[in-house]
Amino acid sequence: MEYALAVFSSVHLVNQMKSRLNRGGEYFGMIRAPHSISTGGCGFALRFEESKLLLVKQVSQELRIAINGIYKEENQENGSKIYIPIE
């Protein structure tokens, strides 16, 4: 399964998104944003299956919450992860 991260400007906004998205019975988690993608003060991101990207964008528009960046999570052979910007 492939995952993506959406970074927001505050932990409050991540929680708003997570609460709204998890109502549908699916899993959307909040994690500490890796330093390589943490822009500004927020150290948290929404983690979700990459196939749910359109839904995440839709809900962010409905709630009028700006996404600071969206990244695809890729596992490396050595067990580490890298994050590639989407769009």
N, C-alpha and C. Protein backbone atom coordinates (compact mmCIF):
# COMPACT_ATOMS: atom_id res chain seq x y z
N MET A 1 0.84 -1.18 0.00
CA MET A 1 0.00 0.00 0.00
C MET A 1 0.89 1.25 0.00
N GLU A 2 0.52 2.21 -0.81
CA GLU A 2 1.30 3.43 -0.89
C GLU A 2 0.62 4.55 -0.12
N TYR A 3 1.45 5.35 0.58
CA TYR A 3 0.92 6.41 1.42
C TYR A 3 1.40 7.77 0.96
N ALA A 4 0.66 8.79 1.38
CA ALA A 4 1.01 10.17 1.10
C ALA A 4 0.86 10.96 2.39
N LEU A 5 1.52 12.12 2.44
CA LEU A 5 1.42 13.03 3.58
C LEU A 5 0.97 14.40 3.08
N ALA A 6 0.06 15.01 3.82
CA ALA A 6 -0.35 16.39 3.55
C ALA A 6 0.06 17.21 4.77
N VAL A 7 0.83 18.26 4.52
CA VAL A 7 1.33 19.11 5.60
C VAL A 7 0.45 20.36 5.70
N PHE A 8 0.13 20.73 6.94
CA PHE A 8 -0.71 21.90 7.20
C PHE A 8 0.03 22.88 8.10
N SER A 9 -0.52 24.09 8.22
CA SER A 9 0.17 25.14 8.97
C SER A 9 0.02 25.03 10.49
N SER A 10 -0.88 24.15 10.97
CA SER A 10 -1.01 23.98 12.43
C SER A 10 -1.55 22.59 12.75
N VAL A 11 -1.27 22.14 13.96
CA VAL A 11 -1.76 20.84 14.41
C VAL A 11 -3.29 20.87 14.51
N HIS A 12 -3.85 22.02 14.82
CA HIS A 12 -5.31 22.18 14.89
C HIS A 12 -5.95 21.86 13.53
N LEU A 13 -5.35 22.34 12.45
CA LEU A 13 -5.89 22.09 11.12
C LEU A 13 -5.79 20.61 10.74
N VAL A 14 -4.69 19.96 11.12
CA VAL A 14 -4.55 18.52 10.86
C VAL A 14 -5.64 17.76 11.59
N ASN A 15 -5.90 18.15 12.84
CA ASN A 15 -6.96 17.48 13.62
C ASN A 15 -8.33 17.69 13.00
N GLN A 16 -8.60 18.88 12.49
CA GLN A 16 -9.88 19.14 11.82
C GLN A 16 -10.05 18.23 10.62
N MET A 17 -9.02 18.14 9.80
CA MET A 17 -9.07 17.29 8.62
C MET A 17 -9.25 15.83 9.01
N LYS A 18 -8.47 15.39 9.98
CA LYS A 18 -8.53 14.00 10.43
C LYS A 18 -9.92 13.65 10.95
N SER A 19 -10.50 14.51 11.76
CA SER A 19 -11.82 14.25 12.32
C SER A 19 -12.87 14.13 11.22
N ARG A 20 -12.81 15.03 10.26
CA ARG A 20 -13.79 15.01 9.17
C ARG A 20 -13.62 13.78 8.29
N LEU A 21 -12.39 13.45 7.95
CA LEU A 21 -12.14 12.32 7.05
C LEU A 21 -12.42 10.98 7.71
N ASN A 22 -12.14 10.85 9.00
CA ASN A 22 -12.36 9.57 9.68
C ASN A 22 -13.84 9.26 9.92
N ARG A 23 -14.71 10.23 9.72
CA ARG A 23 -16.15 9.99 9.87
C ARG A 23 -16.65 8.94 8.88
N GLY A 24 -16.01 8.84 7.74
CA GLY A 24 -16.42 7.89 6.70
C GLY A 24 -16.03 6.46 6.99
N GLY A 25 -15.42 6.20 8.15
CA GLY A 25 -15.04 4.84 8.51
C GLY A 25 -13.69 4.42 7.95
N GLU A 26 -12.99 5.34 7.32
CA GLU A 26 -11.68 5.03 6.79
C GLU A 26 -10.62 5.60 7.72
N TYR A 27 -9.36 5.17 7.51
CA TYR A 27 -8.30 5.62 8.40
C TYR A 27 -7.48 6.75 7.78
N PHE A 28 -7.40 7.84 8.51
CA PHE A 28 -6.50 8.95 8.20
C PHE A 28 -5.79 9.26 9.50
N GLY A 29 -4.48 9.25 9.49
CA GLY A 29 -3.73 9.44 10.72
C GLY A 29 -2.95 10.74 10.76
N MET A 30 -2.58 11.13 11.96
CA MET A 30 -1.75 12.30 12.14
C MET A 30 -0.40 11.82 12.63
N ILE A 31 0.66 12.31 11.98
CA ILE A 31 2.01 11.93 12.37
C ILE A 31 2.87 13.19 12.47
N ARG A 32 4.02 13.05 13.09
CA ARG A 32 5.01 14.13 13.05
C ARG A 32 5.55 14.22 11.64
N ALA A 33 5.53 15.41 11.09
CA ALA A 33 6.06 15.59 9.74
C ALA A 33 7.57 15.45 9.76
N PRO A 34 8.12 14.68 8.85
CA PRO A 34 9.59 14.59 8.78
C PRO A 34 10.20 15.97 8.54
N HIS A 35 11.38 16.20 9.10
CA HIS A 35 12.03 17.51 8.98
C HIS A 35 12.21 17.93 7.52
N SER A 36 12.40 16.96 6.64
CA SER A 36 12.65 17.29 5.24
C SER A 36 11.44 17.93 4.55
N ILE A 37 10.24 17.75 5.12
CA ILE A 37 9.04 18.34 4.50
C ILE A 37 8.30 19.29 5.41
N SER A 38 8.75 19.43 6.63
CA SER A 38 8.09 20.33 7.58
C SER A 38 8.39 21.77 7.20
N THR A 39 7.36 22.47 6.76
CA THR A 39 7.55 23.86 6.33
C THR A 39 7.04 24.79 7.41
N GLY A 40 7.92 25.57 7.97
CA GLY A 40 7.50 26.51 9.01
C GLY A 40 7.37 25.83 10.35
N GLY A 41 6.38 26.26 11.14
CA GLY A 41 6.26 25.81 12.50
C GLY A 41 5.57 24.49 12.74
N CYS A 42 4.74 24.04 11.80
CA CYS A 42 3.95 22.83 12.06
C CYS A 42 4.80 21.59 11.92
N GLY A 43 4.79 20.75 12.94
CA GLY A 43 5.53 19.51 12.89
C GLY A 43 4.65 18.30 12.69
N PHE A 44 3.43 18.49 12.17
CA PHE A 44 2.50 17.39 12.00
C PHE A 44 1.91 17.37 10.60
N ALA A 45 1.53 16.17 10.17
CA ALA A 45 0.95 16.00 8.84
C ALA A 45 -0.15 14.94 8.90
N LEU A 46 -0.99 14.96 7.91
CA LEU A 46 -2.03 13.95 7.75
C LEU A 46 -1.43 12.85 6.88
N ARG A 47 -1.50 11.59 7.34
CA ARG A 47 -0.99 10.45 6.56
C ARG A 47 -2.18 9.65 6.08
N PHE A 48 -2.16 9.29 4.80
CA PHE A 48 -3.31 8.60 4.21
C PHE A 48 -2.86 7.77 3.01
N GLU A 49 -3.74 6.83 2.60
CA GLU A 49 -3.45 6.05 1.41
C GLU A 49 -3.45 6.98 0.22
N GLU A 50 -2.47 6.83 -0.65
CA GLU A 50 -2.34 7.73 -1.78
C GLU A 50 -3.60 7.75 -2.65
N SER A 51 -4.33 6.67 -2.68
CA SER A 51 -5.57 6.60 -3.47
C SER A 51 -6.65 7.54 -2.94
N LYS A 52 -6.49 8.06 -1.74
CA LYS A 52 -7.47 8.98 -1.13
C LYS A 52 -7.10 10.45 -1.33
N LEU A 53 -6.12 10.72 -2.18
CA LEU A 53 -5.65 12.09 -2.39
C LEU A 53 -6.76 13.03 -2.83
N LEU A 54 -7.58 12.60 -3.77
CA LEU A 54 -8.66 13.46 -4.26
C LEU A 54 -9.63 13.82 -3.13
N LEU A 55 -9.94 12.84 -2.28
CA LEU A 55 -10.83 13.08 -1.13
C LEU A 55 -10.22 14.09 -0.17
N VAL A 56 -8.93 13.96 0.10
CA VAL A 56 -8.24 14.90 1.01
C VAL A 56 -8.32 16.32 0.44
N LYS A 57 -8.07 16.46 -0.84
CA LYS A 57 -8.14 17.78 -1.47
C LYS A 57 -9.56 18.35 -1.41
N GLN A 58 -10.52 17.49 -1.65
CA GLN A 58 -11.93 17.91 -1.64
C GLN A 58 -12.34 18.41 -0.26
N VAL A 59 -12.00 17.68 0.78
CA VAL A 59 -12.36 18.06 2.14
C VAL A 59 -11.61 19.33 2.55
N SER A 60 -10.36 19.48 2.14
CA SER A 60 -9.63 20.71 2.48
C SER A 60 -10.30 21.92 1.84
N GLN A 61 -10.83 21.77 0.64
CA GLN A 61 -11.55 22.87 0.00
C GLN A 61 -12.86 23.17 0.72
N GLU A 62 -13.59 22.11 1.09
CA GLU A 62 -14.86 22.29 1.80
C GLU A 62 -14.66 23.01 3.13
N LEU A 63 -13.59 22.65 3.84
CA LEU A 63 -13.30 23.26 5.14
C LEU A 63 -12.50 24.55 5.02
N ARG A 64 -12.11 24.88 3.80
CA ARG A 64 -11.28 26.07 3.53
C ARG A 64 -9.97 26.05 4.31
N ILE A 65 -9.34 24.89 4.25
CA ILE A 65 -8.05 24.68 4.91
C ILE A 65 -6.99 24.49 3.83
N ALA A 66 -5.99 25.34 3.85
CA ALA A 66 -4.92 25.26 2.85
C ALA A 66 -3.95 24.12 3.18
N ILE A 67 -3.57 23.40 2.15
CA ILE A 67 -2.55 22.35 2.29
C ILE A 67 -1.21 22.97 1.89
N ASN A 68 -0.23 22.89 2.78
CA ASN A 68 1.08 23.48 2.52
C ASN A 68 1.95 22.63 1.61
N GLY A 69 1.66 21.36 1.51
CA GLY A 69 2.42 20.47 0.64
C GLY A 69 1.89 19.06 0.74
N ILE A 70 1.97 18.34 -0.39
CA ILE A 70 1.55 16.94 -0.42
C ILE A 70 2.73 16.14 -0.95
N TYR A 71 3.03 15.03 -0.28
CA TYR A 71 4.21 14.25 -0.59
C TYR A 71 3.88 12.76 -0.64
N LYS A 72 4.45 12.09 -1.62
CA LYS A 72 4.34 10.64 -1.71
C LYS A 72 5.43 10.03 -0.83
N GLU A 73 5.06 9.04 -0.04
CA GLU A 73 6.00 8.36 0.84
C GLU A 73 6.56 7.13 0.12
N GLU A 74 7.88 7.06 0.01
CA GLU A 74 8.52 5.91 -0.64
C GLU A 74 9.51 5.27 0.31
N ASN A 75 9.42 3.94 0.39
CA ASN A 75 10.35 3.17 1.22
C ASN A 75 11.60 2.85 0.43
N GLN A 76 12.73 3.02 1.08
CA GLN A 76 14.03 2.72 0.47
C GLN A 76 14.45 1.31 0.88
N GLU A 77 15.40 0.74 0.15
CA GLU A 77 15.88 -0.61 0.44
C GLU A 77 16.47 -0.72 1.84
N ASN A 78 17.05 0.36 2.34
CA ASN A 78 17.68 0.32 3.67
C ASN A 78 16.68 0.54 4.80
N GLY A 79 15.38 0.64 4.46
CA GLY A 79 14.35 0.81 5.48
C GLY A 79 13.96 2.25 5.75
N SER A 80 14.72 3.19 5.24
CA SER A 80 14.37 4.60 5.43
C SER A 80 13.28 5.00 4.44
N LYS A 81 12.73 6.18 4.64
CA LYS A 81 11.68 6.69 3.76
C LYS A 81 12.12 8.01 3.16
N ILE A 82 11.68 8.25 1.93
CA ILE A 82 11.88 9.55 1.32
C ILE A 82 10.51 10.07 0.93
N TYR A 83 10.42 11.37 0.76
CA TYR A 83 9.14 12.02 0.46
C TYR A 83 9.30 12.85 -0.80
N ILE A 84 8.47 12.52 -1.78
CA ILE A 84 8.55 13.16 -3.09
C ILE A 84 7.33 14.06 -3.27
N PRO A 85 7.54 15.33 -3.59
CA PRO A 85 6.39 16.24 -3.77
C PRO A 85 5.45 15.75 -4.87
N ILE A 86 4.16 15.86 -4.60
CA ILE A 86 3.14 15.55 -5.59
C ILE A 86 2.61 16.90 -6.06
N GLU A 87 2.57 17.10 -7.33
CA GLU A 87 2.09 18.33 -7.97
C GLU A 87 3.05 19.41 -7.76
